[in-house]
Amino acid sequence: MNRKILGFLAALVLAGIGTTALVAYVQSAKNEAVAGEALVDVYVVSETIPKGTPVADITDSVDVSRVPAKVVAADAVTDLDGLGDDLVAAVDLQAGEQLLNSRLVSANRLSRATVPAGLQELTVSLDPTRAVGGALNVGDTVGVVLSFEPFDLPDTDNQSANMTHLTFHKVLVTAVQFAEGEAPSTNEDGDESADDETEAEPAPTNQVLVTLALSSPQVEQVVFAAEFGHIWLTAENADADESGTGVITLGEVYGPGVLP
């Protein structure tokens, strides 16, 4: 056989032996490195989980995987039984990623509306009669009425008049919370349930927590009213007429000129 052919074949054989030896060495080194690390059970998403999916359904779409501790995310879920029943996926969870506690939030938090730029959130606790009977939903806009009983005026023996004013218009409601078991029931489309053949849902009896998106000056005014006066909310949609309002005292409540 030609020497060149023999040399070529020998080179191929040597290359194959070298490659095999290199692969074996790398795999051996990898196995030795992993063998010295602690392995931890984590839950890995097996199929895409849409945003808003409850924990009860999330557990059907994850698998347990044992991985080296050094690759486990700091907030990885390691115990499904320890998750709260009210949690839902805060974002779409993609197949192959670790299930993280930071990507699970309470259903109430997920339903919060986005706060417009430049505004901040403030929660007021109101009797249902002062909050449209509790029939407010996230995303609604409200009018904010501030009402005050007489104050002692400084450096005098006089008092201010009783005053009421529809002070702010079309304020965004970013969250509504009811006492447990008192939230109005909703259908699958998110609307309050209504059945012409049944009685209406009973009104909530406890306080309603309504979170509003307000500017900084509005925050101060609403807090002052919560501390020293009264707050009422109106259901004020985009078409509501804002004209004709003013500070109302006893002298104006029946119209100008009625009372002396």
C-alpha atoms as a PDB file:
ATOM      1  CA  MET A   1       0.000   0.000   0.000  1.00  0.00           C
ATOM      2  CA  ASN A   2       1.199   3.482  -0.808  1.00  0.00           C
ATOM      3  CA  ARG A   3       3.103   5.143   2.034  1.00  0.00           C
ATOM      4  CA  LYS A   4       1.050   8.311   1.717  1.00  0.00           C
ATOM      5  CA  ILE A   5      -2.194   6.413   2.166  1.00  0.00           C
ATOM      6  CA  LEU A   6      -0.817   4.548   5.181  1.00  0.00           C
ATOM      7  CA  GLY A   7       0.328   7.828   6.723  1.00  0.00           C
ATOM      8  CA  PHE A   8      -3.053   9.426   6.162  1.00  0.00           C
ATOM      9  CA  LEU A   9      -4.897   6.500   7.766  1.00  0.00           C
ATOM     10  CA  ALA A  10      -2.566   6.541  10.727  1.00  0.00           C
ATOM     11  CA  ALA A  11      -3.164  10.251  11.204  1.00  0.00           C
ATOM     12  CA  LEU A  12      -6.939   9.695  11.187  1.00  0.00           C
ATOM     13  CA  VAL A  13      -6.668   6.933  13.766  1.00  0.00           C
ATOM     14  CA  LEU A  14      -4.493   9.064  16.029  1.00  0.00           C
ATOM     15  CA  ALA A  15      -6.890  12.030  15.679  1.00  0.00           C
ATOM     16  CA  GLY A  16      -9.843   9.850  16.621  1.00  0.00           C
ATOM     17  CA  ILE A  17      -8.026   8.466  19.653  1.00  0.00           C
ATOM     18  CA  GLY A  18      -7.051  11.971  20.722  1.00  0.00           C
ATOM     19  CA  THR A  19     -10.593  13.324  20.388  1.00  0.00           C
ATOM     20  CA  THR A  20     -12.044  10.422  22.360  1.00  0.00           C
ATOM     21  CA  ALA A  21      -9.489  10.886  25.096  1.00  0.00           C
ATOM     22  CA  LEU A  22     -10.173  14.625  25.278  1.00  0.00           C
ATOM     23  CA  VAL A  23     -13.946  14.138  25.536  1.00  0.00           C
ATOM     24  CA  ALA A  24     -13.485  11.512  28.229  1.00  0.00           C
ATOM     25  CA  TYR A  25     -11.170  13.836  30.172  1.00  0.00           C
ATOM     26  CA  VAL A  26     -13.588  16.789  29.986  1.00  0.00           C
ATOM     27  CA  GLN A  27     -16.552  14.647  31.055  1.00  0.00           C
ATOM     28  CA  SER A  28     -14.529  13.169  33.910  1.00  0.00           C
ATOM     29  CA  ALA A  29     -13.512  16.628  35.108  1.00  0.00           C
ATOM     30  CA  LYS A  30     -17.137  17.811  34.905  1.00  0.00           C
ATOM     31  CA  ASN A  31     -18.368  14.800  36.871  1.00  0.00           C
ATOM     32  CA  GLU A  32     -15.728  15.344  39.541  1.00  0.00           C
ATOM     33  CA  ALA A  33     -16.666  19.035  39.845  1.00  0.00           C
ATOM     34  CA  VAL A  34     -20.395  18.300  40.152  1.00  0.00           C
ATOM     35  CA  ALA A  35     -19.784  15.427  42.562  1.00  0.00           C
ATOM     36  CA  GLY A  36     -18.303  17.888  45.043  1.00  0.00           C
ATOM     37  CA  GLU A  37     -21.353  20.202  44.931  1.00  0.00           C
ATOM     38  CA  ALA A  38     -24.589  19.887  46.861  1.00  0.00           C
ATOM     39  CA  LEU A  39     -27.595  19.154  44.646  1.00  0.00           C
ATOM     40  CA  VAL A  40     -30.871  20.928  45.361  1.00  0.00           C
ATOM     41  CA  ASP A  41     -34.427  20.206  44.229  1.00  0.00           C
ATOM     42  CA  VAL A  42     -36.012  23.130  42.382  1.00  0.00           C
ATOM     43  CA  TYR A  43     -39.181  23.476  40.374  1.00  0.00           C
ATOM     44  CA  VAL A  44     -38.744  24.193  36.688  1.00  0.00           C
ATOM     45  CA  VAL A  45     -41.556  25.366  34.407  1.00  0.00           C
ATOM     46  CA  SER A  46     -42.385  22.608  31.924  1.00  0.00           C
ATOM     47  CA  GLU A  47     -44.785  24.588  29.723  1.00  0.00           C
ATOM     48  CA  THR A  48     -45.702  28.246  29.356  1.00  0.00           C
ATOM     49  CA  ILE A  49     -47.829  29.478  32.267  1.00  0.00           C
ATOM     50  CA  PRO A  50     -49.927  32.574  31.419  1.00  0.00           C
ATOM     51  CA  LYS A  51     -49.970  35.616  33.679  1.00  0.00           C
ATOM     52  CA  GLY A  52     -52.702  35.367  36.310  1.00  0.00           C
ATOM     53  CA  THR A  53     -52.634  31.565  36.567  1.00  0.00           C
ATOM     54  CA  PRO A  54     -53.468  30.473  40.161  1.00  0.00           C
ATOM     55  CA  VAL A  55     -50.933  28.474  42.160  1.00  0.00           C
ATOM     56  CA  ALA A  56     -53.235  25.447  42.092  1.00  0.00           C
ATOM     57  CA  ASP A  57     -52.886  25.336  38.298  1.00  0.00           C
ATOM     58  CA  ILE A  58     -49.208  26.300  38.240  1.00  0.00           C
ATOM     59  CA  THR A  59     -48.266  23.130  40.119  1.00  0.00           C
ATOM     60  CA  ASP A  60     -49.487  21.058  37.172  1.00  0.00           C
ATOM     61  CA  SER A  61     -47.042  22.774  34.831  1.00  0.00           C
ATOM     62  CA  VAL A  62     -43.754  22.414  36.731  1.00  0.00           C
ATOM     63  CA  ASP A  63     -41.314  19.532  37.226  1.00  0.00           C
ATOM     64  CA  VAL A  64     -38.778  18.845  39.961  1.00  0.00           C
ATOM     65  CA  SER A  65     -35.156  19.079  38.857  1.00  0.00           C
ATOM     66  CA  ARG A  66     -31.979  18.449  40.870  1.00  0.00           C
ATOM     67  CA  VAL A  67     -29.327  21.016  40.085  1.00  0.00           C
ATOM     68  CA  PRO A  68     -26.097  22.220  41.726  1.00  0.00           C
ATOM     69  CA  ALA A  69     -26.776  24.702  44.505  1.00  0.00           C
ATOM     70  CA  LYS A  70     -24.690  27.372  42.791  1.00  0.00           C
ATOM     71  CA  VAL A  71     -27.116  27.638  39.850  1.00  0.00           C
ATOM     72  CA  VAL A  72     -30.252  27.909  41.995  1.00  0.00           C
ATOM     73  CA  ALA A  73     -31.840  31.376  41.933  1.00  0.00           C
ATOM     74  CA  ALA A  74     -31.924  33.130  45.298  1.00  0.00           C
ATOM     75  CA  ASP A  75     -35.730  33.151  45.430  1.00  0.00           C
ATOM     76  CA  ALA A  76     -36.394  29.832  43.706  1.00  0.00           C
ATOM     77  CA  VAL A  77     -39.422  27.914  44.967  1.00  0.00           C
ATOM     78  CA  THR A  78     -38.318  24.766  46.780  1.00  0.00           C
ATOM     79  CA  ASP A  79     -41.608  23.847  48.462  1.00  0.00           C
ATOM     80  CA  LEU A  80     -44.895  24.089  46.587  1.00  0.00           C
ATOM     81  CA  ASP A  81     -46.895  23.277  49.708  1.00  0.00           C
ATOM     82  CA  GLY A  82     -45.545  26.430  51.334  1.00  0.00           C
ATOM     83  CA  LEU A  83     -47.061  28.746  48.716  1.00  0.00           C
ATOM     84  CA  GLY A  84     -50.171  30.721  49.617  1.00  0.00           C
ATOM     85  CA  ASP A  85     -53.401  29.665  47.943  1.00  0.00           C
ATOM     86  CA  ASP A  86     -54.140  33.247  46.845  1.00  0.00           C
ATOM     87  CA  LEU A  87     -50.981  33.575  44.736  1.00  0.00           C
ATOM     88  CA  VAL A  88     -51.021  33.869  40.943  1.00  0.00           C
ATOM     89  CA  ALA A  89     -48.379  34.263  38.240  1.00  0.00           C
ATOM     90  CA  ALA A  90     -47.380  37.920  38.016  1.00  0.00           C
ATOM     91  CA  VAL A  91     -46.028  37.502  34.455  1.00  0.00           C
ATOM     92  CA  ASP A  92     -45.987  34.843  31.755  1.00  0.00           C
ATOM     93  CA  LEU A  93     -43.694  32.031  32.966  1.00  0.00           C
ATOM     94  CA  GLN A  94     -41.671  30.400  30.194  1.00  0.00           C
ATOM     95  CA  ALA A  95     -40.771  26.732  29.866  1.00  0.00           C
ATOM     96  CA  GLY A  96     -37.302  25.939  31.195  1.00  0.00           C
ATOM     97  CA  GLU A  97     -37.086  28.723  33.777  1.00  0.00           C
ATOM     98  CA  GLN A  98     -37.002  28.130  37.500  1.00  0.00           C
ATOM     99  CA  LEU A  99     -40.195  28.880  39.412  1.00  0.00           C
ATOM    100  CA  LEU A 100     -39.424  32.000  41.469  1.00  0.00           C
ATOM    101  CA  ASN A 101     -41.235  33.423  44.482  1.00  0.00           C
ATOM    102  CA  SER A 102     -40.728  36.925  43.081  1.00  0.00           C
ATOM    103  CA  ARG A 103     -42.875  36.021  40.059  1.00  0.00           C
ATOM    104  CA  LEU A 104     -45.848  35.056  42.223  1.00  0.00           C
ATOM    105  CA  VAL A 105     -48.114  37.731  43.714  1.00  0.00           C
ATOM    106  CA  SER A 106     -51.471  37.851  45.452  1.00  0.00           C
ATOM    107  CA  ALA A 107     -54.491  38.026  43.167  1.00  0.00           C
ATOM    108  CA  ASN A 108     -55.456  41.398  44.665  1.00  0.00           C
ATOM    109  CA  ARG A 109     -52.088  42.890  43.816  1.00  0.00           C
ATOM    110  CA  LEU A 110     -52.266  41.638  40.254  1.00  0.00           C
ATOM    111  CA  SER A 111     -55.587  43.395  39.731  1.00  0.00           C
ATOM    112  CA  ARG A 112     -54.166  46.802  40.636  1.00  0.00           C
ATOM    113  CA  ALA A 113     -54.365  49.462  37.965  1.00  0.00           C
ATOM    114  CA  THR A 114     -51.238  51.134  36.613  1.00  0.00           C
ATOM    115  CA  VAL A 115     -50.559  54.464  38.316  1.00  0.00           C
ATOM    116  CA  PRO A 116     -50.261  57.356  35.834  1.00  0.00           C
ATOM    117  CA  ALA A 117     -46.833  58.994  35.693  1.00  0.00           C
ATOM    118  CA  GLY A 118     -46.303  61.665  38.334  1.00  0.00           C
ATOM    119  CA  LEU A 119     -49.075  60.444  40.653  1.00  0.00           C
ATOM    120  CA  GLN A 120     -48.910  58.390  43.826  1.00  0.00           C
ATOM    121  CA  GLU A 121     -51.307  56.034  45.568  1.00  0.00           C
ATOM    122  CA  LEU A 122     -53.221  56.736  48.761  1.00  0.00           C
ATOM    123  CA  THR A 123     -55.691  54.397  50.471  1.00  0.00           C
ATOM    124  CA  VAL A 124     -58.727  55.682  52.352  1.00  0.00           C
ATOM    125  CA  SER A 125     -60.963  53.575  54.593  1.00  0.00           C
ATOM    126  CA  LEU A 126     -64.602  54.446  54.050  1.00  0.00           C
ATOM    127  CA  ASP A 127     -68.006  53.283  55.125  1.00  0.00           C
ATOM    128  CA  PRO A 128     -69.689  51.711  52.051  1.00  0.00           C
ATOM    129  CA  THR A 129     -72.311  54.472  51.977  1.00  0.00           C
ATOM    130  CA  ARG A 130     -69.490  56.951  51.378  1.00  0.00           C
ATOM    131  CA  ALA A 131     -67.947  54.826  48.605  1.00  0.00           C
ATOM    132  CA  VAL A 132     -70.848  54.289  46.202  1.00  0.00           C
ATOM    133  CA  GLY A 133     -72.113  51.381  48.300  1.00  0.00           C
ATOM    134  CA  GLY A 134     -68.836  49.562  47.766  1.00  0.00           C
ATOM    135  CA  ALA A 135     -69.680  49.132  44.065  1.00  0.00           C
ATOM    136  CA  LEU A 136     -66.317  50.421  42.868  1.00  0.00           C
ATOM    137  CA  ASN A 137     -63.914  48.508  40.661  1.00  0.00           C
ATOM    138  CA  VAL A 138     -60.270  48.886  39.729  1.00  0.00           C
ATOM    139  CA  GLY A 139     -60.021  51.307  36.817  1.00  0.00           C
ATOM    140  CA  ASP A 140     -63.112  53.334  37.765  1.00  0.00           C
ATOM    141  CA  THR A 141     -62.828  57.094  38.130  1.00  0.00           C
ATOM    142  CA  VAL A 142     -64.415  58.909  41.046  1.00  0.00           C
ATOM    143  CA  GLY A 143     -65.180  62.378  42.274  1.00  0.00           C
ATOM    144  CA  VAL A 144     -63.781  63.148  45.730  1.00  0.00           C
ATOM    145  CA  VAL A 145     -65.973  65.188  48.056  1.00  0.00           C
ATOM    146  CA  LEU A 146     -64.347  66.737  51.146  1.00  0.00           C
ATOM    147  CA  SER A 147     -66.642  67.842  53.965  1.00  0.00           C
ATOM    148  CA  PHE A 148     -65.825  69.619  57.258  1.00  0.00           C
ATOM    149  CA  GLU A 149     -67.675  70.534  60.416  1.00  0.00           C
ATOM    150  CA  PRO A 150     -66.934  73.967  61.985  1.00  0.00           C
ATOM    151  CA  PHE A 151     -63.382  74.704  63.135  1.00  0.00           C
ATOM    152  CA  ASP A 152     -62.426  77.230  65.815  1.00  0.00           C
ATOM    153  CA  LEU A 153     -60.839  80.152  64.008  1.00  0.00           C
ATOM    154  CA  PRO A 154     -57.462  81.263  65.415  1.00  0.00           C
ATOM    155  CA  ASP A 155     -57.343  84.430  67.562  1.00  0.00           C
ATOM    156  CA  THR A 156     -61.144  84.795  67.563  1.00  0.00           C
ATOM    157  CA  ASP A 157     -64.173  83.404  69.336  1.00  0.00           C
ATOM    158  CA  ASN A 158     -65.717  82.502  65.987  1.00  0.00           C
ATOM    159  CA  GLN A 159     -65.972  79.245  64.096  1.00  0.00           C
ATOM    160  CA  SER A 160     -65.804  78.452  60.449  1.00  0.00           C
ATOM    161  CA  ALA A 161     -68.954  77.369  58.668  1.00  0.00           C
ATOM    162  CA  ASN A 162     -69.772  73.753  57.801  1.00  0.00           C
ATOM    163  CA  MET A 163     -68.257  73.242  54.359  1.00  0.00           C
ATOM    164  CA  THR A 164     -68.576  70.646  51.597  1.00  0.00           C
ATOM    165  CA  HIS A 165     -66.989  70.658  48.172  1.00  0.00           C
ATOM    166  CA  LEU A 166     -66.630  68.225  45.268  1.00  0.00           C
ATOM    167  CA  THR A 167     -62.919  68.937  45.249  1.00  0.00           C
ATOM    168  CA  PHE A 168     -61.373  66.487  42.752  1.00  0.00           C
ATOM    169  CA  HIS A 169     -62.756  65.001  39.562  1.00  0.00           C
ATOM    170  CA  LYS A 170     -62.178  61.747  37.674  1.00  0.00           C
ATOM    171  CA  VAL A 171     -59.635  60.333  40.109  1.00  0.00           C
ATOM    172  CA  LEU A 172     -58.441  56.855  39.133  1.00  0.00           C
ATOM    173  CA  VAL A 173     -59.229  53.952  41.481  1.00  0.00           C
ATOM    174  CA  THR A 174     -56.183  51.653  41.474  1.00  0.00           C
ATOM    175  CA  ALA A 175     -57.368  49.071  44.035  1.00  0.00           C
ATOM    176  CA  VAL A 176     -60.453  48.145  46.054  1.00  0.00           C
ATOM    177  CA  GLN A 177     -60.390  45.838  49.082  1.00  0.00           C
ATOM    178  CA  PHE A 178     -63.291  44.467  51.070  1.00  0.00           C
ATOM    179  CA  ALA A 179     -63.534  42.490  54.265  1.00  0.00           C
ATOM    180  CA  GLU A 180     -63.096  38.774  53.607  1.00  0.00           C
ATOM    181  CA  GLY A 181     -66.190  37.313  52.000  1.00  0.00           C
ATOM    182  CA  GLU A 182     -67.772  40.704  51.308  1.00  0.00           C
ATOM    183  CA  ALA A 183     -66.438  41.519  47.847  1.00  0.00           C
ATOM    184  CA  PRO A 184     -69.219  41.686  45.222  1.00  0.00           C
ATOM    185  CA  SER A 185     -69.351  38.432  43.257  1.00  0.00           C
ATOM    186  CA  THR A 186     -68.275  38.666  39.634  1.00  0.00           C
ATOM    187  CA  ASN A 187     -68.875  36.563  36.577  1.00  0.00           C
ATOM    188  CA  GLU A 188     -66.129  35.184  34.353  1.00  0.00           C
ATOM    189  CA  ASP A 189     -66.021  38.450  32.370  1.00  0.00           C
ATOM    190  CA  GLY A 190     -65.233  40.440  35.534  1.00  0.00           C
ATOM    191  CA  ASP A 191     -68.649  42.110  35.717  1.00  0.00           C
ATOM    192  CA  GLU A 192     -70.755  42.114  38.851  1.00  0.00           C
ATOM    193  CA  SER A 193     -73.145  39.195  38.733  1.00  0.00           C
ATOM    194  CA  ALA A 194     -76.736  40.052  38.001  1.00  0.00           C
ATOM    195  CA  ASP A 195     -79.711  37.733  37.747  1.00  0.00           C
ATOM    196  CA  ASP A 196     -83.140  39.249  37.169  1.00  0.00           C
ATOM    197  CA  GLU A 197     -84.757  36.308  38.928  1.00  0.00           C
ATOM    198  CA  THR A 198     -82.702  36.549  42.125  1.00  0.00           C
ATOM    199  CA  GLU A 199     -82.277  39.148  44.813  1.00  0.00           C
ATOM    200  CA  ALA A 200     -79.474  41.692  44.547  1.00  0.00           C
ATOM    201  CA  GLU A 201     -76.157  41.003  46.265  1.00  0.00           C
ATOM    202  CA  PRO A 202     -76.173  42.288  49.867  1.00  0.00           C
ATOM    203  CA  ALA A 203     -74.171  45.465  50.390  1.00  0.00           C
ATOM    204  CA  PRO A 204     -70.884  45.175  52.314  1.00  0.00           C
ATOM    205  CA  THR A 205     -71.195  46.048  55.991  1.00  0.00           C
ATOM    206  CA  ASN A 206     -67.556  46.682  56.884  1.00  0.00           C
ATOM    207  CA  GLN A 207     -65.169  49.388  55.767  1.00  0.00           C
ATOM    208  CA  VAL A 208     -64.066  49.496  52.130  1.00  0.00           C
ATOM    209  CA  LEU A 209     -60.430  50.287  51.377  1.00  0.00           C
ATOM    210  CA  VAL A 210     -60.200  52.386  48.221  1.00  0.00           C
ATOM    211  CA  THR A 211     -56.812  53.276  46.759  1.00  0.00           C
ATOM    212  CA  LEU A 212     -56.656  56.438  44.652  1.00  0.00           C
ATOM    213  CA  ALA A 213     -54.039  57.851  42.274  1.00  0.00           C
ATOM    214  CA  LEU A 214     -53.393  61.432  43.410  1.00  0.00           C
ATOM    215  CA  SER A 215     -50.979  64.289  42.937  1.00  0.00           C
ATOM    216  CA  SER A 216     -48.882  65.400  45.906  1.00  0.00           C
ATOM    217  CA  PRO A 217     -51.114  68.390  46.786  1.00  0.00           C
ATOM    218  CA  GLN A 218     -54.196  66.181  46.502  1.00  0.00           C
ATOM    219  CA  VAL A 219     -52.636  63.670  48.903  1.00  0.00           C
ATOM    220  CA  GLU A 220     -52.275  66.387  51.531  1.00  0.00           C
ATOM    221  CA  GLN A 221     -55.858  67.554  51.107  1.00  0.00           C
ATOM    222  CA  VAL A 222     -57.344  64.050  51.256  1.00  0.00           C
ATOM    223  CA  VAL A 223     -55.302  63.107  54.328  1.00  0.00           C
ATOM    224  CA  PHE A 224     -56.385  66.326  56.084  1.00  0.00           C
ATOM    225  CA  ALA A 225     -60.002  65.486  55.348  1.00  0.00           C
ATOM    226  CA  ALA A 226     -59.528  61.906  56.571  1.00  0.00           C
ATOM    227  CA  GLU A 227     -58.028  63.207  59.819  1.00  0.00           C
ATOM    228  CA  PHE A 228     -60.335  66.155  60.523  1.00  0.00           C
ATOM    229  CA  GLY A 229     -63.381  65.841  58.286  1.00  0.00           C
ATOM    230  CA  HIS A 230     -65.223  63.417  56.049  1.00  0.00           C
ATOM    231  CA  ILE A 231     -64.661  61.967  52.566  1.00  0.00           C
ATOM    232  CA  TRP A 232     -67.289  60.858  50.072  1.00  0.00           C
ATOM    233  CA  LEU A 233     -66.678  59.322  46.656  1.00  0.00           C
ATOM    234  CA  THR A 234     -68.932  59.592  43.621  1.00  0.00           C
ATOM    235  CA  ALA A 235     -68.918  57.307  40.591  1.00  0.00           C
ATOM    236  CA  GLU A 236     -67.745  59.864  38.045  1.00  0.00           C
ATOM    237  CA  ASN A 237     -67.189  58.576  34.530  1.00  0.00           C
ATOM    238  CA  ALA A 238     -65.495  60.374  31.658  1.00  0.00           C
ATOM    239  CA  ASP A 239     -68.754  62.018  30.532  1.00  0.00           C
ATOM    240  CA  ALA A 240     -69.738  63.409  33.941  1.00  0.00           C
ATOM    241  CA  ASP A 241     -70.301  67.183  33.965  1.00  0.00           C
ATOM    242  CA  GLU A 242     -67.931  68.940  36.379  1.00  0.00           C
ATOM    243  CA  SER A 243     -69.438  72.416  36.084  1.00  0.00           C
ATOM    244  CA  GLY A 244     -71.402  74.333  38.704  1.00  0.00           C
ATOM    245  CA  THR A 245     -69.584  73.133  41.797  1.00  0.00           C
ATOM    246  CA  GLY A 246     -68.391  75.290  44.659  1.00  0.00           C
ATOM    247  CA  VAL A 247     -67.836  75.297  48.399  1.00  0.00           C
ATOM    248  CA  ILE A 248     -71.225  74.677  49.996  1.00  0.00           C
ATOM    249  CA  THR A 249     -72.152  76.030  53.423  1.00  0.00           C
ATOM    250  CA  LEU A 250     -75.536  76.234  55.150  1.00  0.00           C
ATOM    251  CA  GLY A 251     -76.104  79.547  53.387  1.00  0.00           C
ATOM    252  CA  GLU A 252     -75.780  77.948  49.933  1.00  0.00           C
ATOM    253  CA  VAL A 253     -77.282  74.514  50.474  1.00  0.00           C
ATOM    254  CA  TYR A 254     -80.832  75.656  49.572  1.00  0.00           C
ATOM    255  CA  GLY A 255     -79.661  78.127  46.970  1.00  0.00           C
ATOM    256  CA  PRO A 256     -78.538  81.766  47.217  1.00  0.00           C
ATOM    257  CA  GLY A 257     -80.798  84.125  49.177  1.00  0.00           C
ATOM    258  CA  VAL A 258     -82.933  81.426  50.816  1.00  0.00           C
ATOM    259  CA  LEU A 259     -81.348  81.730  54.267  1.00  0.00           C
ATOM    260  CA  PRO A 260     -80.416  85.073  55.856  1.00  0.00           C
END
